[in-house]
Amino acid sequence: MESHQAIETLDREQVEQLDAETAPLRSDKSTGPSGFKLVIANKNYSSWSMRAWVAMTAFGIPFEEVRIALDKADTSAKIAQYAKSGRLPVLLADQITIWDSLAICEYLAERFPEKAMWPTDTTARALARCMCAEMHSGFGGLRTAMPMNIRARFPGEGRTPEAQGDIGRICEIWEECLSHFGHHDFLFGDFSIADAYFAPVVTRFQTYDVFLGAALQGYMERVLAHPAVLKWTSQALAETEVISKYEAPIETNGKSKRR
């Protein structure tokens, strides 16, 4: 697929151009014009960080990025500086701390109603929220057997019965939304929080070479080619940290190949 190849072969000039077009402000101490600071984990591995980051970047909401590498001796201590929950992402905004990716997106949608981060149609908006809530609380089989790893390629791996069931359900959701609202674009026509929420799933399907029909394959291509998603994935490819537990998938019999 063309966008897959583009991600894998981005040269320095292309990455710099993406940085110039969609760059958030980066600093650990000062605040930008919006006063937002987004604390994230590794871009190669952190699906939850990706959701909030892509949403903010796609809708042009400036923020400072603080990146904390996972699986290090000081990871927990660094996260604790920003969130008592011990989890990422975290958004520091308006003197408050928001430590959940969906809450971050909801907060931003209310702060910036003119950006239409949710679909404007009432029915579509309700369905988009349902999809995000299901993604937020479900699909444990997919998460366990097919963890996000943008750099890796594990074709055909991770197909446990639970993961296969989750793949089927995700395809059902995408097909329904694209046929009723998205047509040849994103899930609800224009790019929305729903697309940002399923962007990490798109990267998983790429990593594990999940076969999809033409319509869903086209949707994946459009998501991967979106400037915000493309910037995240290009920066993920440039990371050097390796977390061994995410570097081998789960076999179809449920046994782990991880060491």
C-alpha atoms as a PDB file:
ATOM      1  CA  MET A   1       0.000   0.000   0.000  1.00  0.00           C
ATOM      2  CA  GLU A   2       1.302   3.409  -0.973  1.00  0.00           C
ATOM      3  CA  SER A   3       0.896   5.175   2.359  1.00  0.00           C
ATOM      4  CA  HIS A   4       2.526   2.257   4.179  1.00  0.00           C
ATOM      5  CA  GLN A   5       5.549   2.612   1.953  1.00  0.00           C
ATOM      6  CA  ALA A   6       5.553   6.359   2.406  1.00  0.00           C
ATOM      7  CA  ILE A   7       5.738   5.959   6.172  1.00  0.00           C
ATOM      8  CA  GLU A   8       8.624   3.514   5.924  1.00  0.00           C
ATOM      9  CA  THR A   9      10.660   5.638   3.481  1.00  0.00           C
ATOM     10  CA  LEU A  10      10.182   9.173   4.780  1.00  0.00           C
ATOM     11  CA  ASP A  11      13.447  11.036   4.385  1.00  0.00           C
ATOM     12  CA  ARG A  12      14.749  13.779   6.648  1.00  0.00           C
ATOM     13  CA  GLU A  13      13.408  16.568   4.434  1.00  0.00           C
ATOM     14  CA  GLN A  14       9.882  15.113   4.456  1.00  0.00           C
ATOM     15  CA  VAL A  15       9.906  14.717   8.247  1.00  0.00           C
ATOM     16  CA  GLU A  16      11.086  18.295   8.674  1.00  0.00           C
ATOM     17  CA  GLN A  17       8.287  19.466   6.391  1.00  0.00           C
ATOM     18  CA  LEU A  18       5.735  17.567   8.485  1.00  0.00           C
ATOM     19  CA  ASP A  19       7.238  19.129  11.600  1.00  0.00           C
ATOM     20  CA  ALA A  20       6.850  22.609  10.143  1.00  0.00           C
ATOM     21  CA  GLU A  21       3.252  22.003   9.079  1.00  0.00           C
ATOM     22  CA  THR A  22       1.874  20.382  12.230  1.00  0.00           C
ATOM     23  CA  ALA A  23       4.419  21.009  14.967  1.00  0.00           C
ATOM     24  CA  PRO A  24       3.164  21.349  18.553  1.00  0.00           C
ATOM     25  CA  LEU A  25       5.225  23.516  20.862  1.00  0.00           C
ATOM     26  CA  ARG A  26       7.716  21.438  22.851  1.00  0.00           C
ATOM     27  CA  SER A  27       8.980  22.306  26.299  1.00  0.00           C
ATOM     28  CA  ASP A  28       9.015  20.746  29.715  1.00  0.00           C
ATOM     29  CA  LYS A  29       8.653  23.954  31.682  1.00  0.00           C
ATOM     30  CA  SER A  30       7.125  26.883  29.799  1.00  0.00           C
ATOM     31  CA  THR A  31       3.614  27.032  28.348  1.00  0.00           C
ATOM     32  CA  GLY A  32       2.497  27.923  24.856  1.00  0.00           C
ATOM     33  CA  PRO A  33      -0.215  30.317  23.686  1.00  0.00           C
ATOM     34  CA  SER A  34      -2.971  27.842  24.559  1.00  0.00           C
ATOM     35  CA  GLY A  35      -1.495  26.974  27.948  1.00  0.00           C
ATOM     36  CA  PHE A  36      -1.745  23.255  27.121  1.00  0.00           C
ATOM     37  CA  LYS A  37       0.911  20.701  27.934  1.00  0.00           C
ATOM     38  CA  LEU A  38       0.415  17.126  26.740  1.00  0.00           C
ATOM     39  CA  VAL A  39       2.442  14.429  28.478  1.00  0.00           C
ATOM     40  CA  ILE A  40       2.810  11.284  26.375  1.00  0.00           C
ATOM     41  CA  ALA A  41       4.758   8.013  26.243  1.00  0.00           C
ATOM     42  CA  ASN A  42       6.763   6.393  23.441  1.00  0.00           C
ATOM     43  CA  LYS A  43       5.211   7.061  20.058  1.00  0.00           C
ATOM     44  CA  ASN A  44       6.065   3.599  18.790  1.00  0.00           C
ATOM     45  CA  TYR A  45       4.182   1.819  21.551  1.00  0.00           C
ATOM     46  CA  SER A  46       1.659   4.118  23.254  1.00  0.00           C
ATOM     47  CA  SER A  47      -1.746   3.879  21.607  1.00  0.00           C
ATOM     48  CA  TRP A  48      -3.483   5.971  24.258  1.00  0.00           C
ATOM     49  CA  SER A  49      -0.975   8.797  23.887  1.00  0.00           C
ATOM     50  CA  MET A  50      -1.449   8.652  20.129  1.00  0.00           C
ATOM     51  CA  ARG A  51      -5.177   9.253  20.377  1.00  0.00           C
ATOM     52  CA  ALA A  52      -4.934  12.525  22.280  1.00  0.00           C
ATOM     53  CA  TRP A  53      -1.862  13.740  20.361  1.00  0.00           C
ATOM     54  CA  VAL A  54      -3.387  13.058  16.936  1.00  0.00           C
ATOM     55  CA  ALA A  55      -6.654  14.740  17.910  1.00  0.00           C
ATOM     56  CA  MET A  56      -4.911  17.900  19.105  1.00  0.00           C
ATOM     57  CA  THR A  57      -2.564  18.002  16.132  1.00  0.00           C
ATOM     58  CA  ALA A  58      -5.267  17.284  13.551  1.00  0.00           C
ATOM     59  CA  PHE A  59      -7.424  20.134  14.814  1.00  0.00           C
ATOM     60  CA  GLY A  60      -4.600  22.635  15.138  1.00  0.00           C
ATOM     61  CA  ILE A  61      -4.668  22.983  18.915  1.00  0.00           C
ATOM     62  CA  PRO A  62      -1.180  24.119  20.000  1.00  0.00           C
ATOM     63  CA  PHE A  63       0.441  22.370  22.927  1.00  0.00           C
ATOM     64  CA  GLU A  64       3.753  21.624  24.516  1.00  0.00           C
ATOM     65  CA  GLU A  65       4.826  18.013  24.280  1.00  0.00           C
ATOM     66  CA  VAL A  66       6.479  16.209  27.165  1.00  0.00           C
ATOM     67  CA  ARG A  67       7.568  12.686  26.281  1.00  0.00           C
ATOM     68  CA  ILE A  68       8.314  10.105  28.971  1.00  0.00           C
ATOM     69  CA  ALA A  69       9.924   6.862  27.850  1.00  0.00           C
ATOM     70  CA  LEU A  70       8.276   3.730  29.200  1.00  0.00           C
ATOM     71  CA  ASP A  71       9.980   0.786  30.874  1.00  0.00           C
ATOM     72  CA  LYS A  72      12.802   2.838  32.409  1.00  0.00           C
ATOM     73  CA  ALA A  73      13.950   2.933  36.018  1.00  0.00           C
ATOM     74  CA  ASP A  74      12.596   6.457  36.460  1.00  0.00           C
ATOM     75  CA  THR A  75       9.435   6.139  34.348  1.00  0.00           C
ATOM     76  CA  SER A  76       7.021   5.937  37.282  1.00  0.00           C
ATOM     77  CA  ALA A  77       8.668   8.835  39.083  1.00  0.00           C
ATOM     78  CA  LYS A  78       8.510  11.016  35.991  1.00  0.00           C
ATOM     79  CA  ILE A  79       4.856  10.220  35.337  1.00  0.00           C
ATOM     80  CA  ALA A  80       4.039  10.930  38.988  1.00  0.00           C
ATOM     81  CA  GLN A  81       5.242  14.497  38.480  1.00  0.00           C
ATOM     82  CA  TYR A  82       2.218  15.033  36.240  1.00  0.00           C
ATOM     83  CA  ALA A  83      -0.430  12.494  37.240  1.00  0.00           C
ATOM     84  CA  LYS A  84      -1.249  10.587  40.412  1.00  0.00           C
ATOM     85  CA  SER A  85      -2.963   7.955  38.259  1.00  0.00           C
ATOM     86  CA  GLY A  86       0.430   6.791  37.029  1.00  0.00           C
ATOM     87  CA  ARG A  87      -0.859   6.637  33.458  1.00  0.00           C
ATOM     88  CA  LEU A  88      -0.383   8.559  30.240  1.00  0.00           C
ATOM     89  CA  PRO A  89      -1.455  10.633  28.410  1.00  0.00           C
ATOM     90  CA  VAL A  90      -2.033  13.615  30.656  1.00  0.00           C
ATOM     91  CA  LEU A  91      -3.197  17.057  29.606  1.00  0.00           C
ATOM     92  CA  LEU A  92      -2.315  20.027  31.787  1.00  0.00           C
ATOM     93  CA  ALA A  93      -4.808  22.767  31.015  1.00  0.00           C
ATOM     94  CA  ASP A  94      -6.424  25.717  32.783  1.00  0.00           C
ATOM     95  CA  GLN A  95      -4.819  24.832  36.113  1.00  0.00           C
ATOM     96  CA  ILE A  96      -6.280  21.321  36.003  1.00  0.00           C
ATOM     97  CA  THR A  97      -4.919  17.885  35.166  1.00  0.00           C
ATOM     98  CA  ILE A  98      -6.860  15.622  32.805  1.00  0.00           C
ATOM     99  CA  TRP A  99      -5.465  12.088  32.924  1.00  0.00           C
ATOM    100  CA  ASP A 100      -7.683  10.130  30.521  1.00  0.00           C
ATOM    101  CA  SER A 101      -7.505  10.188  26.724  1.00  0.00           C
ATOM    102  CA  LEU A 102     -11.265  10.288  26.149  1.00  0.00           C
ATOM    103  CA  ALA A 103     -11.741  12.953  28.818  1.00  0.00           C
ATOM    104  CA  ILE A 104      -8.990  14.975  27.116  1.00  0.00           C
ATOM    105  CA  CYS A 105     -10.825  14.799  23.799  1.00  0.00           C
ATOM    106  CA  GLU A 106     -14.172  15.679  25.354  1.00  0.00           C
ATOM    107  CA  TYR A 107     -12.644  18.623  27.191  1.00  0.00           C
ATOM    108  CA  LEU A 108     -11.053  19.964  24.022  1.00  0.00           C
ATOM    109  CA  ALA A 109     -14.259  19.517  22.021  1.00  0.00           C
ATOM    110  CA  GLU A 110     -16.052  21.684  24.589  1.00  0.00           C
ATOM    111  CA  ARG A 111     -13.252  24.250  24.721  1.00  0.00           C
ATOM    112  CA  PHE A 112     -13.141  24.583  20.939  1.00  0.00           C
ATOM    113  CA  PRO A 113     -16.683  24.007  19.630  1.00  0.00           C
ATOM    114  CA  GLU A 114     -15.843  25.879  16.426  1.00  0.00           C
ATOM    115  CA  LYS A 115     -13.406  23.106  15.467  1.00  0.00           C
ATOM    116  CA  ALA A 116     -16.188  20.487  15.291  1.00  0.00           C
ATOM    117  CA  MET A 117     -14.036  17.708  16.729  1.00  0.00           C
ATOM    118  CA  TRP A 118     -17.158  15.541  16.984  1.00  0.00           C
ATOM    119  CA  PRO A 119     -19.554  15.132  14.024  1.00  0.00           C
ATOM    120  CA  THR A 120     -22.038  17.983  13.807  1.00  0.00           C
ATOM    121  CA  ASP A 121     -25.020  15.717  13.072  1.00  0.00           C
ATOM    122  CA  THR A 122     -26.730  14.607  16.293  1.00  0.00           C
ATOM    123  CA  THR A 123     -27.103  10.962  15.286  1.00  0.00           C
ATOM    124  CA  ALA A 124     -23.572  10.730  13.937  1.00  0.00           C
ATOM    125  CA  ARG A 125     -22.184  12.374  17.065  1.00  0.00           C
ATOM    126  CA  ALA A 126     -23.974   9.884  19.317  1.00  0.00           C
ATOM    127  CA  LEU A 127     -22.613   6.962  17.309  1.00  0.00           C
ATOM    128  CA  ALA A 128     -19.101   8.443  17.311  1.00  0.00           C
ATOM    129  CA  ARG A 129     -19.208   8.694  21.085  1.00  0.00           C
ATOM    130  CA  CYS A 130     -20.447   5.101  21.338  1.00  0.00           C
ATOM    131  CA  MET A 131     -17.563   3.934  19.143  1.00  0.00           C
ATOM    132  CA  CYS A 132     -14.978   5.770  21.207  1.00  0.00           C
ATOM    133  CA  ALA A 133     -16.466   4.470  24.453  1.00  0.00           C
ATOM    134  CA  GLU A 134     -16.352   0.906  23.102  1.00  0.00           C
ATOM    135  CA  MET A 135     -12.748   1.405  22.027  1.00  0.00           C
ATOM    136  CA  HIS A 136     -11.943   2.909  25.407  1.00  0.00           C
ATOM    137  CA  SER A 137     -13.306   0.015  27.436  1.00  0.00           C
ATOM    138  CA  GLY A 138     -13.206  -2.957  25.092  1.00  0.00           C
ATOM    139  CA  PHE A 139     -11.161  -4.926  22.559  1.00  0.00           C
ATOM    140  CA  GLY A 140      -8.980  -6.501  25.229  1.00  0.00           C
ATOM    141  CA  GLY A 141      -8.202  -9.470  22.988  1.00  0.00           C
ATOM    142  CA  LEU A 142      -6.724  -7.227  20.320  1.00  0.00           C
ATOM    143  CA  ARG A 143      -4.739  -5.175  22.838  1.00  0.00           C
ATOM    144  CA  THR A 144      -3.252  -8.290  24.447  1.00  0.00           C
ATOM    145  CA  ALA A 145      -2.399 -10.317  21.363  1.00  0.00           C
ATOM    146  CA  MET A 146      -1.547  -7.481  18.987  1.00  0.00           C
ATOM    147  CA  PRO A 147       0.079  -4.639  20.969  1.00  0.00           C
ATOM    148  CA  MET A 148       0.900  -1.469  19.086  1.00  0.00           C
ATOM    149  CA  ASN A 149       4.370  -1.455  17.569  1.00  0.00           C
ATOM    150  CA  ILE A 150       4.579   0.876  14.573  1.00  0.00           C
ATOM    151  CA  ARG A 151       8.157  -0.069  13.651  1.00  0.00           C
ATOM    152  CA  ALA A 152       7.561  -3.821  13.603  1.00  0.00           C
ATOM    153  CA  ARG A 153       5.963  -6.182  11.097  1.00  0.00           C
ATOM    154  CA  PHE A 154       4.353  -9.408  12.352  1.00  0.00           C
ATOM    155  CA  PRO A 155       2.262 -10.595   9.387  1.00  0.00           C
ATOM    156  CA  GLY A 156      -0.393 -13.098  10.373  1.00  0.00           C
ATOM    157  CA  GLU A 157       0.624 -13.179  14.043  1.00  0.00           C
ATOM    158  CA  GLY A 158      -1.478 -12.481  17.111  1.00  0.00           C
ATOM    159  CA  ARG A 159      -4.633 -14.078  15.741  1.00  0.00           C
ATOM    160  CA  THR A 160      -6.060 -15.480  18.955  1.00  0.00           C
ATOM    161  CA  PRO A 161      -9.799 -16.191  18.926  1.00  0.00           C
ATOM    162  CA  GLU A 162     -10.338 -13.127  21.098  1.00  0.00           C
ATOM    163  CA  ALA A 163      -8.311 -10.892  18.777  1.00  0.00           C
ATOM    164  CA  GLN A 164     -10.126 -12.274  15.738  1.00  0.00           C
ATOM    165  CA  GLY A 165     -13.436 -11.472  17.390  1.00  0.00           C
ATOM    166  CA  ASP A 166     -12.295  -7.921  18.072  1.00  0.00           C
ATOM    167  CA  ILE A 167     -11.104  -7.501  14.482  1.00  0.00           C
ATOM    168  CA  GLY A 168     -14.518  -8.594  13.243  1.00  0.00           C
ATOM    169  CA  ARG A 169     -16.306  -6.154  15.523  1.00  0.00           C
ATOM    170  CA  ILE A 170     -14.053  -3.258  14.497  1.00  0.00           C
ATOM    171  CA  CYS A 171     -14.651  -4.014  10.816  1.00  0.00           C
ATOM    172  CA  GLU A 172     -18.399  -4.074  11.486  1.00  0.00           C
ATOM    173  CA  ILE A 173     -18.221  -0.636  13.122  1.00  0.00           C
ATOM    174  CA  TRP A 174     -16.130   0.857  10.345  1.00  0.00           C
ATOM    175  CA  GLU A 175     -18.359  -0.557   7.593  1.00  0.00           C
ATOM    176  CA  GLU A 176     -21.504   0.789   9.233  1.00  0.00           C
ATOM    177  CA  CYS A 177     -20.085   4.275   9.697  1.00  0.00           C
ATOM    178  CA  LEU A 178     -18.506   4.519   6.260  1.00  0.00           C
ATOM    179  CA  SER A 179     -21.665   3.350   4.513  1.00  0.00           C
ATOM    180  CA  HIS A 180     -23.978   5.721   6.390  1.00  0.00           C
ATOM    181  CA  PHE A 181     -21.757   8.756   7.009  1.00  0.00           C
ATOM    182  CA  GLY A 182     -18.204   8.466   5.753  1.00  0.00           C
ATOM    183  CA  HIS A 183     -18.623   7.194   2.210  1.00  0.00           C
ATOM    184  CA  HIS A 184     -15.193   7.795   0.637  1.00  0.00           C
ATOM    185  CA  ASP A 185     -13.673   9.857   3.437  1.00  0.00           C
ATOM    186  CA  PHE A 186     -13.404   9.218   7.177  1.00  0.00           C
ATOM    187  CA  LEU A 187     -15.813   7.451   9.524  1.00  0.00           C
ATOM    188  CA  PHE A 188     -18.197  10.394   9.704  1.00  0.00           C
ATOM    189  CA  GLY A 189     -17.132  12.312   6.617  1.00  0.00           C
ATOM    190  CA  ASP A 190     -14.628  14.784   8.005  1.00  0.00           C
ATOM    191  CA  PHE A 191     -11.808  13.640  10.280  1.00  0.00           C
ATOM    192  CA  SER A 192     -13.081  13.521  13.873  1.00  0.00           C
ATOM    193  CA  ILE A 193     -12.191  12.289  17.340  1.00  0.00           C
ATOM    194  CA  ALA A 194     -13.529   8.891  16.254  1.00  0.00           C
ATOM    195  CA  ASP A 195     -10.840   8.593  13.580  1.00  0.00           C
ATOM    196  CA  ALA A 196      -8.154   9.714  16.035  1.00  0.00           C
ATOM    197  CA  TYR A 197      -9.395   7.052  18.438  1.00  0.00           C
ATOM    198  CA  PHE A 198      -9.131   4.265  15.887  1.00  0.00           C
ATOM    199  CA  ALA A 199      -5.840   5.469  14.374  1.00  0.00           C
ATOM    200  CA  PRO A 200      -3.799   3.164  16.669  1.00  0.00           C
ATOM    201  CA  VAL A 201      -5.948   0.249  15.502  1.00  0.00           C
ATOM    202  CA  VAL A 202      -5.095   1.153  11.916  1.00  0.00           C
ATOM    203  CA  THR A 203      -1.391   0.947  12.768  1.00  0.00           C
ATOM    204  CA  ARG A 204      -1.966  -2.431  14.444  1.00  0.00           C
ATOM    205  CA  PHE A 205      -3.699  -3.755  11.340  1.00  0.00           C
ATOM    206  CA  GLN A 206      -0.680  -2.598   9.362  1.00  0.00           C
ATOM    207  CA  THR A 207       1.828  -4.186  11.748  1.00  0.00           C
ATOM    208  CA  TYR A 208       0.031  -7.530  11.793  1.00  0.00           C
ATOM    209  CA  ASP A 209      -1.027  -7.412   8.131  1.00  0.00           C
ATOM    210  CA  VAL A 210      -4.744  -7.790   8.771  1.00  0.00           C
ATOM    211  CA  PHE A 211      -6.565  -8.422   5.497  1.00  0.00           C
ATOM    212  CA  LEU A 212      -9.475  -6.062   4.869  1.00  0.00           C
ATOM    213  CA  GLY A 213     -11.926  -5.527   2.049  1.00  0.00           C
ATOM    214  CA  ALA A 214     -11.388  -2.719  -0.433  1.00  0.00           C
ATOM    215  CA  ALA A 215     -13.551  -0.141   1.364  1.00  0.00           C
ATOM    216  CA  LEU A 216     -11.887  -0.670   4.744  1.00  0.00           C
ATOM    217  CA  GLN A 217      -8.442  -0.864   3.174  1.00  0.00           C
ATOM    218  CA  GLY A 218      -9.139   2.500   1.586  1.00  0.00           C
ATOM    219  CA  TYR A 219     -10.154   3.917   4.952  1.00  0.00           C
ATOM    220  CA  MET A 220      -6.899   2.679   6.474  1.00  0.00           C
ATOM    221  CA  GLU A 221      -4.948   4.349   3.684  1.00  0.00           C
ATOM    222  CA  ARG A 222      -6.678   7.665   4.290  1.00  0.00           C
ATOM    223  CA  VAL A 223      -6.023   7.517   8.033  1.00  0.00           C
ATOM    224  CA  LEU A 224      -2.356   6.650   7.555  1.00  0.00           C
ATOM    225  CA  ALA A 225      -1.975   9.496   5.055  1.00  0.00           C
ATOM    226  CA  HIS A 226      -3.571  12.122   7.328  1.00  0.00           C
ATOM    227  CA  PRO A 227      -0.871  14.699   8.229  1.00  0.00           C
ATOM    228  CA  ALA A 228      -1.320  14.275  11.991  1.00  0.00           C
ATOM    229  CA  VAL A 229      -1.156  10.478  11.818  1.00  0.00           C
ATOM    230  CA  LEU A 230       1.715  10.537   9.345  1.00  0.00           C
ATOM    231  CA  LYS A 231       3.692  12.837  11.602  1.00  0.00           C
ATOM    232  CA  TRP A 232       3.160  10.597  14.638  1.00  0.00           C
ATOM    233  CA  THR A 233       4.164   7.447  12.751  1.00  0.00           C
ATOM    234  CA  SER A 234       7.236   9.075  11.212  1.00  0.00           C
ATOM    235  CA  GLN A 235       8.415  10.135  14.669  1.00  0.00           C
ATOM    236  CA  ALA A 236       7.648   6.659  16.028  1.00  0.00           C
ATOM    237  CA  LEU A 237       9.903   5.166  13.369  1.00  0.00           C
ATOM    238  CA  ALA A 238      12.691   7.481  14.501  1.00  0.00           C
ATOM    239  CA  GLU A 239      12.564   6.342  18.130  1.00  0.00           C
ATOM    240  CA  THR A 240      15.322   4.055  19.363  1.00  0.00           C
ATOM    241  CA  GLU A 241      13.920   2.615  22.616  1.00  0.00           C
ATOM    242  CA  VAL A 242      13.064  -1.074  22.541  1.00  0.00           C
ATOM    243  CA  ILE A 243      10.585  -2.642  24.969  1.00  0.00           C
ATOM    244  CA  SER A 244      11.006  -6.384  24.646  1.00  0.00           C
ATOM    245  CA  LYS A 245       7.507  -7.363  25.775  1.00  0.00           C
ATOM    246  CA  TYR A 246       6.059  -5.546  22.759  1.00  0.00           C
ATOM    247  CA  GLU A 247       8.539  -7.000  20.293  1.00  0.00           C
ATOM    248  CA  ALA A 248       6.922 -10.412  19.821  1.00  0.00           C
ATOM    249  CA  PRO A 249       3.237 -11.154  19.284  1.00  0.00           C
ATOM    250  CA  ILE A 250       0.960 -13.726  20.883  1.00  0.00           C
ATOM    251  CA  GLU A 251       0.596 -16.966  18.912  1.00  0.00           C
ATOM    252  CA  THR A 252      -2.830 -18.089  17.771  1.00  0.00           C
ATOM    253  CA  ASN A 253      -2.925 -20.699  20.527  1.00  0.00           C
ATOM    254  CA  GLY A 254      -2.650 -17.945  23.117  1.00  0.00           C
ATOM    255  CA  LYS A 255       0.963 -18.693  24.048  1.00  0.00           C
ATOM    256  CA  SER A 256       3.276 -15.742  24.128  1.00  0.00           C
ATOM    257  CA  LYS A 257       6.472 -15.505  22.101  1.00  0.00           C
ATOM    258  CA  ARG A 258       7.676 -12.735  24.371  1.00  0.00           C
ATOM    259  CA  ARG A 259      10.646 -13.233  26.590  1.00  0.00           C
END
